[in-house]
């Protein structure tokens, strides 16, 4: 098994490496897009802004390889937080095109959405309700909690791609799955035992 973590310049790579160590898996930071073809599994972490992250992926060559070779060879890829958002067509946060692997766009939380004047960004622990068909959600109970930090989200619950949802004023998509592409809006690397279990499920994909 060869787990490669894409160094997009916008991710909590150290935390992800430590989580894989806890489950007995050595992971490698991938700085060269050519190395992705040798992966058994790929992690795409991300924090920061959408446009800056997409620019970095394109500049480093990862963007085209993910869209083409990773898809062609069906290598499982997990996008985390902003890394999940990269999988979409685009975001209100910027003007750049995303990878387009999930056919929807991201929108910003606003006061109408969070009717209870909830704080934005959505930050802290919250529950995820996994769809029974979710491969990432295998074995999770309804009280499973994960750590979130984000201001943008997918407000649509397209059952072809939405395999987990979360409530924060509105119900939004927090888990996506499409063929070999997976994404979570939360940070499993900061979610203790729940995060470890999710990473183990991903490694079985």
Protein backbone atom coordinates (compact mmCIF):
# COMPACT_ATOMS: atom_id res chain seq x y z
CA UNK A 1 0.00 0.00 0.00
CA UNK A 2 1.38 3.41 -0.97
CA UNK A 3 -0.49 6.39 0.45
CA UNK A 4 0.59 9.69 -1.11
CA UNK A 5 -0.39 13.04 0.41
CA UNK A 6 -0.43 15.83 -2.15
CA UNK A 7 1.63 18.82 -1.07
CA UNK A 8 -0.57 21.55 -2.50
CA UNK A 9 0.90 24.12 -0.14
CA UNK A 10 -2.53 24.46 1.50
CA UNK A 11 -2.95 21.60 3.91
CA UNK A 12 -2.34 20.20 7.40
CA UNK A 13 0.03 17.54 6.09
CA UNK A 14 1.76 16.84 9.41
CA UNK A 15 -1.51 16.02 11.13
CA UNK A 16 -2.54 13.68 8.32
CA UNK A 17 0.81 11.83 8.46
CA UNK A 18 0.44 11.40 12.22
CA UNK A 19 -3.04 9.93 11.87
CA UNK A 20 -1.83 7.32 9.39
CA UNK A 21 1.03 6.45 11.74
CA UNK A 22 -1.53 5.76 14.46
CA UNK A 23 -3.18 3.15 12.24
CA UNK A 24 0.15 1.62 11.26
CA UNK A 25 0.40 3.02 7.73
CA UNK A 26 3.38 4.95 6.39
CA UNK A 27 2.38 7.81 4.13
CA UNK A 28 4.53 9.93 1.82
CA UNK A 29 4.33 13.63 1.04
CA UNK A 30 4.05 13.91 -2.73
CA UNK A 31 5.74 16.98 -4.21
CA UNK A 32 5.88 15.73 -7.80
CA UNK A 33 2.69 15.08 -9.77
CA UNK A 34 4.43 12.22 -11.60
CA UNK A 35 4.50 10.20 -8.37
CA UNK A 36 0.70 10.05 -8.15
CA UNK A 37 0.55 7.22 -10.69
CA UNK A 38 2.34 4.96 -8.21
CA UNK A 39 -0.21 5.57 -5.44
CA UNK A 40 -2.58 3.03 -3.96
CA UNK A 41 -4.46 5.91 -2.26
CA UNK A 42 -4.17 9.69 -2.48
CA UNK A 43 -4.98 12.36 0.12
CA UNK A 44 -5.70 15.93 -1.03
CA UNK A 45 -5.71 18.18 2.07
CA UNK A 46 -6.50 21.85 1.94
CA UNK A 47 -7.02 24.98 4.02
CA UNK A 48 -7.26 28.57 2.81
CA UNK A 49 -8.91 30.12 -0.24
CA UNK A 50 -10.36 28.32 -3.26
CA UNK A 51 -8.67 30.32 -6.03
CA UNK A 52 -5.22 30.22 -4.43
CA UNK A 53 -5.49 26.49 -3.91
CA UNK A 54 -6.62 25.79 -7.48
CA UNK A 55 -3.83 28.01 -8.81
CA UNK A 56 -1.29 26.02 -6.80
CA UNK A 57 -2.68 22.69 -8.07
CA UNK A 58 -2.45 23.88 -11.67
CA UNK A 59 1.00 25.41 -11.26
CA UNK A 60 2.39 22.21 -9.72
CA UNK A 61 0.83 19.91 -12.34
CA UNK A 62 -1.41 18.06 -9.90
CA UNK A 63 -4.62 19.51 -11.36
CA UNK A 64 -4.34 17.78 -14.75
CA UNK A 65 -3.08 14.50 -13.32
CA UNK A 66 -6.03 14.30 -10.90
CA UNK A 67 -8.55 15.05 -13.64
CA UNK A 68 -7.00 12.63 -16.11
CA UNK A 69 -4.69 9.90 -14.79
CA UNK A 70 -6.13 9.51 -11.28
CA UNK A 71 -9.58 9.20 -12.81
CA UNK A 72 -8.40 6.91 -15.62
CA UNK A 73 -6.62 4.48 -13.29
CA UNK A 74 -9.36 4.67 -10.63
CA UNK A 75 -6.94 5.51 -7.80
CA UNK A 76 -8.95 6.33 -4.65
CA UNK A 77 -8.53 10.01 -3.72
CA UNK A 78 -9.82 11.67 -0.56
CA UNK A 79 -10.20 15.46 -0.48
CA UNK A 80 -10.21 17.04 2.98
CA UNK A 81 -11.98 20.36 3.72
CA UNK A 82 -10.76 22.72 0.97
CA UNK A 83 -9.43 19.60 -0.74
CA UNK A 84 -13.01 18.34 -0.96
CA UNK A 85 -14.13 21.70 -2.36
CA UNK A 86 -11.53 21.43 -5.13
CA UNK A 87 -13.47 18.41 -6.43
CA UNK A 88 -16.48 20.61 -7.27
CA UNK A 89 -17.08 22.70 -10.39
CA UNK A 90 -16.44 25.96 -8.57
CA UNK A 91 -17.14 28.12 -5.52
CA UNK A 92 -18.65 31.49 -4.71
CA UNK A 93 -15.36 32.16 -2.93
CA UNK A 94 -13.54 32.64 -6.21
CA UNK A 95 -13.62 32.63 -10.00
CA UNK A 96 -11.45 29.60 -10.78
CA UNK A 97 -12.84 26.36 -12.12
CA UNK A 98 -12.58 23.43 -9.77
CA UNK A 99 -11.72 19.91 -10.87
CA UNK A 100 -15.36 19.32 -11.88
CA UNK A 101 -15.44 15.77 -10.50
CA UNK A 102 -18.53 16.57 -8.42
CA UNK A 103 -21.14 18.37 -10.58
CA UNK A 104 -22.14 21.16 -8.23
CA UNK A 105 -20.90 24.48 -6.82
CA UNK A 106 -20.16 25.74 -3.33
CA UNK A 107 -21.96 28.63 -1.67
CA UNK A 108 -21.24 30.72 1.39
CA UNK A 109 -23.12 30.34 4.64
CA UNK A 110 -25.19 33.47 5.26
CA UNK A 111 -27.50 34.83 7.94
CA UNK A 112 -30.57 33.49 6.17
CA UNK A 113 -29.09 30.00 6.25
CA UNK A 114 -28.03 30.15 9.88
CA UNK A 115 -31.39 31.38 11.14
CA UNK A 116 -30.23 31.16 14.74
CA UNK A 117 -27.42 33.68 14.13
CA UNK A 118 -24.85 30.93 14.27
CA UNK A 119 -21.26 32.03 13.84
CA UNK A 120 -19.54 31.93 10.48
CA UNK A 121 -17.20 30.20 9.83
CA UNK A 122 -18.76 26.98 11.02
CA UNK A 123 -16.08 25.90 13.48
CA UNK A 124 -15.90 23.06 15.97
CA UNK A 125 -17.37 19.61 16.48
CA UNK A 126 -20.55 18.60 14.70
CA UNK A 127 -22.44 15.45 13.76
CA UNK A 128 -22.33 13.75 10.38
CA UNK A 129 -25.22 11.63 9.16
CA UNK A 130 -23.83 9.07 6.71
CA UNK A 131 -25.92 7.56 3.93
CA UNK A 132 -26.21 3.75 4.31
CA UNK A 133 -24.47 3.36 0.93
CA UNK A 134 -21.45 5.45 1.98
CA UNK A 135 -18.16 3.57 1.82
CA UNK A 136 -16.50 6.14 4.07
CA UNK A 137 -19.33 5.86 6.57
CA UNK A 138 -19.25 2.11 7.03
CA UNK A 139 -19.84 1.20 10.67
CA UNK A 140 -20.46 4.74 11.92
CA UNK A 141 -23.30 5.45 14.33
CA UNK A 142 -25.57 8.51 14.10
CA UNK A 143 -23.70 10.21 16.96
CA UNK A 144 -20.39 10.32 15.07
CA UNK A 145 -18.76 13.75 15.39
CA UNK A 146 -16.04 15.43 13.37
CA UNK A 147 -14.15 18.73 13.51
CA UNK A 148 -15.20 21.44 11.02
CA UNK A 149 -13.71 24.79 9.97
CA UNK A 150 -15.31 26.34 6.87
CA UNK A 151 -17.40 29.23 5.54
CA UNK A 152 -18.45 27.68 2.22
CA UNK A 153 -20.40 24.50 1.61
CA UNK A 154 -22.52 22.55 -0.86
CA UNK A 155 -26.11 23.40 0.05
CA UNK A 156 -27.62 20.81 -2.28
CA UNK A 157 -28.10 17.19 -1.25
CA UNK A 158 -27.66 15.43 -4.59
CA UNK A 159 -28.13 11.78 -3.66
CA UNK A 160 -25.93 10.68 -6.54
CA UNK A 161 -22.93 12.26 -4.80
CA UNK A 162 -23.97 13.29 -1.28
CA UNK A 163 -23.20 10.40 1.07
CA UNK A 164 -23.20 12.35 4.31
CA UNK A 165 -24.81 15.54 5.62
CA UNK A 166 -24.52 17.90 8.59
CA UNK A 167 -26.85 20.43 10.23
CA UNK A 168 -25.71 23.99 10.83
CA UNK A 169 -28.73 26.25 10.43
CA UNK A 170 -29.24 24.38 7.16
CA UNK A 171 -28.50 20.82 6.11
CA UNK A 172 -25.43 20.74 3.88
CA UNK A 173 -23.36 18.07 2.15
CA UNK A 174 -20.41 17.04 4.30
CA UNK A 175 -19.40 13.80 2.50
CA UNK A 176 -19.20 13.20 -1.26
CA UNK A 177 -18.38 10.04 -3.17
CA UNK A 178 -18.17 9.61 -6.94
CA UNK A 179 -16.46 6.49 -8.31
CA UNK A 180 -12.86 6.70 -6.98
CA UNK A 181 -13.23 10.28 -5.69
CA UNK A 182 -14.17 10.96 -2.08
CA UNK A 183 -14.42 14.18 -0.11
CA UNK A 184 -15.17 15.30 3.45
CA UNK A 185 -15.90 18.87 4.48
CA UNK A 186 -14.52 18.24 7.97
CA UNK A 187 -11.00 17.43 9.18
CA UNK A 188 -10.66 13.72 9.98
CA UNK A 189 -7.02 14.32 10.96
CA UNK A 190 -8.34 16.45 13.86
CA UNK A 191 -11.28 14.19 14.72
CA UNK A 192 -9.60 11.67 17.02
CA UNK A 193 -11.06 8.12 16.95
CA UNK A 194 -13.76 9.10 14.44
CA UNK A 195 -11.09 10.35 12.05
CA UNK A 196 -9.02 7.18 12.44
CA UNK A 197 -12.05 5.05 11.60
CA UNK A 198 -12.82 7.14 8.52
CA UNK A 199 -9.24 6.87 7.24
CA UNK A 200 -9.40 3.09 7.76
CA UNK A 201 -12.60 2.97 5.71
CA UNK A 202 -10.95 5.00 2.95
CA UNK A 203 -8.03 2.57 2.80
CA UNK A 204 -10.52 -0.23 2.09
CA UNK A 205 -11.84 1.63 -1.00
